[in-house]
Amino acid sequence: IQSGNPYGAFNAEQAARVARAAADALGVDPVLDD
């Protein structure tokens, strides 16, 4: 493990915030089909 962070994962709330921002930028819902 070279220069990584084993604790560097987002939690569900943080990940949902990114997904919502991406969906808004695309004009879709944050779901697989869209």
PDB file of all heavy atoms in Angstrom:
ATOM      1  N   ILE A   1       0.865  -1.183   0.000  1.00  0.00           N
ATOM      2  CA  ILE A   1       0.000   0.000   0.000  1.00  0.00           C
ATOM      3  C   ILE A   1       0.899   1.229   0.000  1.00  0.00           C
ATOM      4  O   ILE A   1       1.474   1.603   1.024  1.00  0.00           O
ATOM      5  CB  ILE A   1      -0.939  -0.020   1.224  1.00  0.00           C
ATOM      6  CG1 ILE A   1      -1.800  -1.283   1.219  1.00  0.00           C
ATOM      7  CG2 ILE A   1      -1.830   1.229   1.244  1.00  0.00           C
ATOM      8  CD1 ILE A   1      -2.550  -1.521   2.522  1.00  0.00           C
ATOM      9  N   GLN A   2       1.034   1.891  -1.166  1.00  0.00           N
ATOM     10  CA  GLN A   2       1.920   3.033  -1.332  1.00  0.00           C
ATOM     11  C   GLN A   2       1.109   4.325  -1.322  1.00  0.00           C
ATOM     12  O   GLN A   2       0.335   4.593  -2.245  1.00  0.00           O
ATOM     13  CB  GLN A   2       2.680   2.954  -2.669  1.00  0.00           C
ATOM     14  CG  GLN A   2       3.669   1.815  -2.769  1.00  0.00           C
ATOM     15  CD  GLN A   2       4.336   1.759  -4.128  1.00  0.00           C
ATOM     16  OE1 GLN A   2       4.571   0.670  -4.664  1.00  0.00           O
ATOM     17  NE2 GLN A   2       4.649   2.918  -4.709  1.00  0.00           N
ATOM     18  N   SER A   3       1.277   5.124  -0.290  1.00  0.00           N
ATOM     19  CA  SER A   3       0.679   6.458  -0.243  1.00  0.00           C
ATOM     20  C   SER A   3      -0.825   6.417  -0.503  1.00  0.00           C
ATOM     21  O   SER A   3      -1.340   7.144  -1.359  1.00  0.00           O
ATOM     22  CB  SER A   3       1.354   7.394  -1.256  1.00  0.00           C
ATOM     23  OG  SER A   3       2.716   7.556  -0.953  1.00  0.00           O
ATOM     24  N   GLY A   4      -1.502   5.570   0.244  1.00  0.00           N
ATOM     25  CA  GLY A   4      -2.960   5.512   0.168  1.00  0.00           C
ATOM     26  C   GLY A   4      -3.565   5.805   1.524  1.00  0.00           C
ATOM     27  O   GLY A   4      -2.864   6.082   2.499  1.00  0.00           O
ATOM     28  N   ASN A   5      -4.882   5.745   1.592  1.00  0.00           N
ATOM     29  CA  ASN A   5      -5.582   5.922   2.868  1.00  0.00           C
ATOM     30  C   ASN A   5      -6.614   4.808   3.006  1.00  0.00           C
ATOM     31  O   ASN A   5      -7.679   4.869   2.391  1.00  0.00           O
ATOM     32  CB  ASN A   5      -6.267   7.281   2.940  1.00  0.00           C
ATOM     33  CG  ASN A   5      -6.923   7.519   4.297  1.00  0.00           C
ATOM     34  OD1 ASN A   5      -6.930   6.647   5.165  1.00  0.00           O
ATOM     35  ND2 ASN A   5      -7.477   8.697   4.476  1.00  0.00           N
ATOM     36  N   PRO A   6      -6.300   3.778   3.800  1.00  0.00           N
ATOM     37  CA  PRO A   6      -7.268   2.686   3.960  1.00  0.00           C
ATOM     38  C   PRO A   6      -8.589   3.133   4.568  1.00  0.00           C
ATOM     39  O   PRO A   6      -9.575   2.397   4.491  1.00  0.00           O
ATOM     40  CB  PRO A   6      -6.531   1.720   4.894  1.00  0.00           C
ATOM     41  CG  PRO A   6      -5.076   1.999   4.677  1.00  0.00           C
ATOM     42  CD  PRO A   6      -5.016   3.482   4.451  1.00  0.00           C
ATOM     43  N   TYR A   7      -8.613   4.331   5.158  1.00  0.00           N
ATOM     44  CA  TYR A   7      -9.846   4.864   5.746  1.00  0.00           C
ATOM     45  C   TYR A   7     -10.413   6.006   4.892  1.00  0.00           C
ATOM     46  O   TYR A   7     -11.158   6.838   5.390  1.00  0.00           O
ATOM     47  CB  TYR A   7      -9.567   5.356   7.171  1.00  0.00           C
ATOM     48  CG  TYR A   7      -9.058   4.270   8.088  1.00  0.00           C
ATOM     49  CD1 TYR A   7      -7.689   4.029   8.193  1.00  0.00           C
ATOM     50  CD2 TYR A   7      -9.931   3.466   8.807  1.00  0.00           C
ATOM     51  CE1 TYR A   7      -7.204   3.020   9.020  1.00  0.00           C
ATOM     52  CE2 TYR A   7      -9.452   2.456   9.630  1.00  0.00           C
ATOM     53  CZ  TYR A   7      -8.087   2.237   9.724  1.00  0.00           C
ATOM     54  OH  TYR A   7      -7.617   1.227  10.546  1.00  0.00           O
ATOM     55  N   GLY A   8     -10.067   6.028   3.617  1.00  0.00           N
ATOM     56  CA  GLY A   8     -10.430   7.140   2.762  1.00  0.00           C
ATOM     57  C   GLY A   8     -11.765   7.030   2.064  1.00  0.00           C
ATOM     58  O   GLY A   8     -12.049   7.812   1.151  1.00  0.00           O
ATOM     59  N   ALA A   9     -12.611   6.091   2.463  1.00  0.00           N
ATOM     60  CA  ALA A   9     -13.911   5.933   1.808  1.00  0.00           C
ATOM     61  C   ALA A   9     -14.894   7.006   2.257  1.00  0.00           C
ATOM     62  O   ALA A   9     -14.837   7.489   3.393  1.00  0.00           O
ATOM     63  CB  ALA A   9     -14.484   4.551   2.109  1.00  0.00           C
ATOM     64  N   PHE A  10     -15.806   7.377   1.373  1.00  0.00           N
ATOM     65  CA  PHE A  10     -16.936   8.227   1.735  1.00  0.00           C
ATOM     66  C   PHE A  10     -17.993   7.379   2.453  1.00  0.00           C
ATOM     67  O   PHE A  10     -18.122   6.184   2.174  1.00  0.00           O
ATOM     68  CB  PHE A  10     -17.591   8.836   0.491  1.00  0.00           C
ATOM     69  CG  PHE A  10     -16.717   9.797  -0.269  1.00  0.00           C
ATOM     70  CD1 PHE A  10     -16.918   9.988  -1.627  1.00  0.00           C
ATOM     71  CD2 PHE A  10     -15.701  10.515   0.348  1.00  0.00           C
ATOM     72  CE1 PHE A  10     -16.136  10.879  -2.348  1.00  0.00           C
ATOM     73  CE2 PHE A  10     -14.903  11.390  -0.355  1.00  0.00           C
ATOM     74  CZ  PHE A  10     -15.122  11.577  -1.716  1.00  0.00           C
ATOM     75  N   ASN A  11     -18.751   8.005   3.329  1.00  0.00           N
ATOM     76  CA  ASN A  11     -19.910   7.297   3.868  1.00  0.00           C
ATOM     77  C   ASN A  11     -21.105   7.525   2.942  1.00  0.00           C
ATOM     78  O   ASN A  11     -21.014   8.249   1.942  1.00  0.00           O
ATOM     79  CB  ASN A  11     -20.199   7.712   5.309  1.00  0.00           C
ATOM     80  CG  ASN A  11     -20.624   9.164   5.461  1.00  0.00           C
ATOM     81  OD1 ASN A  11     -21.024   9.819   4.488  1.00  0.00           O
ATOM     82  ND2 ASN A  11     -20.565   9.679   6.677  1.00  0.00           N
ATOM     83  N   ALA A  12     -22.222   6.909   3.262  1.00  0.00           N
ATOM     84  CA  ALA A  12     -23.379   6.950   2.365  1.00  0.00           C
ATOM     85  C   ALA A  12     -23.880   8.372   2.155  1.00  0.00           C
ATOM     86  O   ALA A  12     -24.297   8.741   1.043  1.00  0.00           O
ATOM     87  CB  ALA A  12     -24.489   6.063   2.922  1.00  0.00           C
ATOM     88  N   GLU A  13     -23.855   9.193   3.210  1.00  0.00           N
ATOM     89  CA  GLU A  13     -24.335  10.572   3.079  1.00  0.00           C
ATOM     90  C   GLU A  13     -23.439  11.370   2.149  1.00  0.00           C
ATOM     91  O   GLU A  13     -23.927  12.129   1.296  1.00  0.00           O
ATOM     92  CB  GLU A  13     -24.396  11.234   4.459  1.00  0.00           C
ATOM     93  CG  GLU A  13     -24.918  12.665   4.422  1.00  0.00           C
ATOM     94  CD  GLU A  13     -24.965  13.306   5.806  1.00  0.00           C
ATOM     95  OE1 GLU A  13     -24.699  12.614   6.808  1.00  0.00           O
ATOM     96  OE2 GLU A  13     -25.263  14.520   5.874  1.00  0.00           O
ATOM     97  N   GLN A  14     -22.145  11.216   2.284  1.00  0.00           N
ATOM     98  CA  GLN A  14     -21.217  11.932   1.408  1.00  0.00           C
ATOM     99  C   GLN A  14     -21.350  11.459  -0.035  1.00  0.00           C
ATOM    100  O   GLN A  14     -21.381  12.274  -0.971  1.00  0.00           O
ATOM    101  CB  GLN A  14     -19.789  11.727   1.907  1.00  0.00           C
ATOM    102  CG  GLN A  14     -19.507  12.398   3.233  1.00  0.00           C
ATOM    103  CD  GLN A  14     -18.188  11.974   3.841  1.00  0.00           C
ATOM    104  OE1 GLN A  14     -17.820  10.793   3.794  1.00  0.00           O
ATOM    105  NE2 GLN A  14     -17.463  12.919   4.425  1.00  0.00           N
ATOM    106  N   ALA A  15     -21.455  10.149  -0.227  1.00  0.00           N
ATOM    107  CA  ALA A  15     -21.598   9.608  -1.572  1.00  0.00           C
ATOM    108  C   ALA A  15     -22.896  10.073  -2.223  1.00  0.00           C
ATOM    109  O   ALA A  15     -22.935  10.375  -3.432  1.00  0.00           O
ATOM    110  CB  ALA A  15     -21.553   8.087  -1.528  1.00  0.00           C
ATOM    111  N   ALA A  16     -23.979  10.150  -1.436  1.00  0.00           N
ATOM    112  CA  ALA A  16     -25.264  10.609  -1.971  1.00  0.00           C
ATOM    113  C   ALA A  16     -25.173  12.072  -2.391  1.00  0.00           C
ATOM    114  O   ALA A  16     -25.818  12.481  -3.375  1.00  0.00           O
ATOM    115  CB  ALA A  16     -26.355  10.426  -0.921  1.00  0.00           C
ATOM    116  N   ARG A  17     -24.384  12.851  -1.684  1.00  0.00           N
ATOM    117  CA  ARG A  17     -24.224  14.266  -2.045  1.00  0.00           C
ATOM    118  C   ARG A  17     -23.536  14.406  -3.402  1.00  0.00           C
ATOM    119  O   ARG A  17     -23.920  15.234  -4.234  1.00  0.00           O
ATOM    120  CB  ARG A  17     -23.411  14.968  -0.952  1.00  0.00           C
ATOM    121  CG  ARG A  17     -23.543  16.482  -0.970  1.00  0.00           C
ATOM    122  CD  ARG A  17     -22.855  17.103   0.236  1.00  0.00           C
ATOM    123  NE  ARG A  17     -23.482  16.693   1.500  1.00  0.00           N
ATOM    124  CZ  ARG A  17     -23.052  17.081   2.692  1.00  0.00           C
ATOM    125  NH1 ARG A  17     -21.982  17.859   2.792  1.00  0.00           N
ATOM    126  NH2 ARG A  17     -23.674  16.675   3.783  1.00  0.00           N
ATOM    127  N   VAL A  18     -22.529  13.580  -3.640  1.00  0.00           N
ATOM    128  CA  VAL A  18     -21.854  13.602  -4.939  1.00  0.00           C
ATOM    129  C   VAL A  18     -22.789  13.120  -6.037  1.00  0.00           C
ATOM    130  O   VAL A  18     -22.874  13.708  -7.126  1.00  0.00           O
ATOM    131  CB  VAL A  18     -20.577  12.738  -4.903  1.00  0.00           C
ATOM    132  CG1 VAL A  18     -19.893  12.747  -6.274  1.00  0.00           C
ATOM    133  CG2 VAL A  18     -19.614  13.227  -3.831  1.00  0.00           C
ATOM    134  N   ALA A  19     -23.540  12.048  -5.767  1.00  0.00           N
ATOM    135  CA  ALA A  19     -24.456  11.499  -6.767  1.00  0.00           C
ATOM    136  C   ALA A  19     -25.536  12.509  -7.131  1.00  0.00           C
ATOM    137  O   ALA A  19     -25.907  12.656  -8.310  1.00  0.00           O
ATOM    138  CB  ALA A  19     -25.078  10.208  -6.255  1.00  0.00           C
ATOM    139  N   ARG A  20     -26.037  13.209  -6.126  1.00  0.00           N
ATOM    140  CA  ARG A  20     -27.075  14.212  -6.378  1.00  0.00           C
ATOM    141  C   ARG A  20     -26.530  15.352  -7.232  1.00  0.00           C
ATOM    142  O   ARG A  20     -27.200  15.815  -8.173  1.00  0.00           O
ATOM    143  CB  ARG A  20     -27.579  14.754  -5.043  1.00  0.00           C
ATOM    144  CG  ARG A  20     -28.688  15.804  -5.123  1.00  0.00           C
ATOM    145  CD  ARG A  20     -30.016  15.190  -5.496  1.00  0.00           C
ATOM    146  NE  ARG A  20     -30.291  15.264  -6.931  1.00  0.00           N
ATOM    147  CZ  ARG A  20     -31.300  14.673  -7.535  1.00  0.00           C
ATOM    148  NH1 ARG A  20     -32.115  13.905  -6.848  1.00  0.00           N
ATOM    149  NH2 ARG A  20     -31.485  14.796  -8.835  1.00  0.00           N
ATOM    150  N   ALA A  21     -25.296  15.787  -6.935  1.00  0.00           N
ATOM    151  CA  ALA A  21     -24.695  16.868  -7.713  1.00  0.00           C
ATOM    152  C   ALA A  21     -24.458  16.430  -9.153  1.00  0.00           C
ATOM    153  O   ALA A  21     -24.694  17.204 -10.099  1.00  0.00           O
ATOM    154  CB  ALA A  21     -23.384  17.303  -7.061  1.00  0.00           C
ATOM    155  N   ALA A  22     -24.009  15.185  -9.356  1.00  0.00           N
ATOM    156  CA  ALA A  22     -23.796  14.688 -10.709  1.00  0.00           C
ATOM    157  C   ALA A  22     -25.118  14.584 -11.465  1.00  0.00           C
ATOM    158  O   ALA A  22     -25.206  14.963 -12.654  1.00  0.00           O
ATOM    159  CB  ALA A  22     -23.103  13.328 -10.658  1.00  0.00           C
ATOM    160  N   ALA A  23     -26.147  14.072 -10.804  1.00  0.00           N
ATOM    161  CA  ALA A  23     -27.452  13.949 -11.450  1.00  0.00           C
ATOM    162  C   ALA A  23     -28.014  15.314 -11.814  1.00  0.00           C
ATOM    163  O   ALA A  23     -28.568  15.498 -12.917  1.00  0.00           O
ATOM    164  CB  ALA A  23     -28.412  13.200 -10.524  1.00  0.00           C
ATOM    165  N   ASP A  24     -27.868  16.282 -10.915  1.00  0.00           N
ATOM    166  CA  ASP A  24     -28.361  17.627 -11.207  1.00  0.00           C
ATOM    167  C   ASP A  24     -27.625  18.233 -12.397  1.00  0.00           C
ATOM    168  O   ASP A  24     -28.232  18.894 -13.254  1.00  0.00           O
ATOM    169  CB  ASP A  24     -28.191  18.526  -9.979  1.00  0.00           C
ATOM    170  CG  ASP A  24     -29.172  18.171  -8.861  1.00  0.00           C
ATOM    171  OD1 ASP A  24     -30.130  17.426  -9.118  1.00  0.00           O
ATOM    172  OD2 ASP A  24     -28.953  18.639  -7.717  1.00  0.00           O
ATOM    173  N   ALA A  25     -26.317  18.009 -12.465  1.00  0.00           N
ATOM    174  CA  ALA A  25     -25.543  18.553 -13.580  1.00  0.00           C
ATOM    175  C   ALA A  25     -25.956  17.926 -14.907  1.00  0.00           C
ATOM    176  O   ALA A  25     -25.880  18.574 -15.964  1.00  0.00           O
ATOM    177  CB  ALA A  25     -24.053  18.336 -13.336  1.00  0.00           C
ATOM    178  N   LEU A  26     -26.410  16.672 -14.840  1.00  0.00           N
ATOM    179  CA  LEU A  26     -26.831  15.968 -16.055  1.00  0.00           C
ATOM    180  C   LEU A  26     -28.315  16.142 -16.359  1.00  0.00           C
ATOM    181  O   LEU A  26     -28.776  15.778 -17.446  1.00  0.00           O
ATOM    182  CB  LEU A  26     -26.530  14.475 -15.918  1.00  0.00           C
ATOM    183  CG  LEU A  26     -25.050  14.081 -15.900  1.00  0.00           C
ATOM    184  CD1 LEU A  26     -24.900  12.639 -15.435  1.00  0.00           C
ATOM    185  CD2 LEU A  26     -24.437  14.264 -17.275  1.00  0.00           C
ATOM    186  N   GLY A  27     -29.070  16.625 -15.385  1.00  0.00           N
ATOM    187  CA  GLY A  27     -30.507  16.752 -15.567  1.00  0.00           C
ATOM    188  C   GLY A  27     -31.240  15.433 -15.501  1.00  0.00           C
ATOM    189  O   GLY A  27     -32.252  15.240 -16.194  1.00  0.00           O
ATOM    190  N   VAL A  28     -30.737  14.489 -14.669  1.00  0.00           N
ATOM    191  CA  VAL A  28     -31.368  13.174 -14.523  1.00  0.00           C
ATOM    192  C   VAL A  28     -31.526  12.877 -13.039  1.00  0.00           C
ATOM    193  O   VAL A  28     -31.084  13.644 -12.184  1.00  0.00           O
ATOM    194  CB  VAL A  28     -30.517  12.069 -15.196  1.00  0.00           C
ATOM    195  CG1 VAL A  28     -30.373  12.331 -16.684  1.00  0.00           C
ATOM    196  CG2 VAL A  28     -29.142  11.948 -14.534  1.00  0.00           C
ATOM    197  N   ASP A  29     -32.154  11.743 -12.723  1.00  0.00           N
ATOM    198  CA  ASP A  29     -32.209  11.264 -11.345  1.00  0.00           C
ATOM    199  C   ASP A  29     -30.999  10.366 -11.078  1.00  0.00           C
ATOM    200  O   ASP A  29     -30.494   9.713 -12.003  1.00  0.00           O
ATOM    201  CB  ASP A  29     -33.499  10.480 -11.100  1.00  0.00           C
ATOM    202  CG  ASP A  29     -34.720  11.390 -11.041  1.00  0.00           C
ATOM    203  OD1 ASP A  29     -34.561  12.549 -10.592  1.00  0.00           O
ATOM    204  OD2 ASP A  29     -35.817  10.953 -11.452  1.00  0.00           O
ATOM    205  N   PRO A  30     -30.539  10.290  -9.821  1.00  0.00           N
ATOM    206  CA  PRO A  30     -29.355   9.474  -9.509  1.00  0.00           C
ATOM    207  C   PRO A  30     -29.684   7.987  -9.412  1.00  0.00           C
ATOM    208  O   PRO A  30     -29.525   7.357  -8.371  1.00  0.00           O
ATOM    209  CB  PRO A  30     -28.889  10.052  -8.171  1.00  0.00           C
ATOM    210  CG  PRO A  30     -30.129  10.561  -7.530  1.00  0.00           C
ATOM    211  CD  PRO A  30     -30.999  11.065  -8.655  1.00  0.00           C
ATOM    212  N   VAL A  31     -30.174   7.425 -10.517  1.00  0.00           N
ATOM    213  CA  VAL A  31     -30.539   6.011 -10.574  1.00  0.00           C
ATOM    214  C   VAL A  31     -29.908   5.382 -11.812  1.00  0.00           C
ATOM    215  O   VAL A  31     -29.595   6.069 -12.786  1.00  0.00           O
ATOM    216  CB  VAL A  31     -32.072   5.830 -10.597  1.00  0.00           C
ATOM    217  CG1 VAL A  31     -32.702   6.370  -9.316  1.00  0.00           C
ATOM    218  CG2 VAL A  31     -32.678   6.505 -11.814  1.00  0.00           C
ATOM    219  N   LEU A  32     -29.741   4.082 -11.766  1.00  0.00           N
ATOM    220  CA  LEU A  32     -29.048   3.368 -12.826  1.00  0.00           C
ATOM    221  C   LEU A  32     -29.677   3.600 -14.193  1.00  0.00           C
ATOM    222  O   LEU A  32     -28.979   3.885 -15.175  1.00  0.00           O
ATOM    223  CB  LEU A  32     -29.022   1.870 -12.500  1.00  0.00           C
ATOM    224  CG  LEU A  32     -28.522   0.926 -13.603  1.00  0.00           C
ATOM    225  CD1 LEU A  32     -27.127   1.295 -14.050  1.00  0.00           C
ATOM    226  CD2 LEU A  32     -28.565  -0.527 -13.114  1.00  0.00           C
ATOM    227  N   ASP A  33     -30.987   3.478 -14.293  1.00  0.00           N
ATOM    228  CA  ASP A  33     -31.623   3.584 -15.603  1.00  0.00           C
ATOM    229  C   ASP A  33     -31.374   4.941 -16.255  1.00  0.00           C
ATOM    230  O   ASP A  33     -31.189   5.024 -17.480  1.00  0.00           O
ATOM    231  CB  ASP A  33     -33.129   3.341 -15.479  1.00  0.00           C
ATOM    232  CG  ASP A  33     -33.464   1.877 -15.221  1.00  0.00           C
ATOM    233  OD1 ASP A  33     -32.590   1.021 -15.499  1.00  0.00           O
ATOM    234  OD2 ASP A  33     -34.572   1.583 -14.737  1.00  0.00           O
ATOM    235  N   ASP A  34     -31.357   6.011 -15.450  1.00  0.00           N
ATOM    236  CA  ASP A  34     -31.117   7.334 -16.024  1.00  0.00           C
ATOM    237  C   ASP A  34     -29.664   7.492 -16.460  1.00  0.00           C
ATOM    238  O   ASP A  34     -29.377   8.014 -17.549  1.00  0.00           O
ATOM    239  CB  ASP A  34     -31.480   8.418 -15.014  1.00  0.00           C
ATOM    240  CG  ASP A  34     -32.978   8.664 -14.947  1.00  0.00           C
ATOM    241  OD1 ASP A  34     -33.732   7.799 -15.427  1.00  0.00           O
ATOM    242  OD2 ASP A  34     -33.395   9.709 -14.416  1.00  0.00           O
TER     243      ASP A  34
END
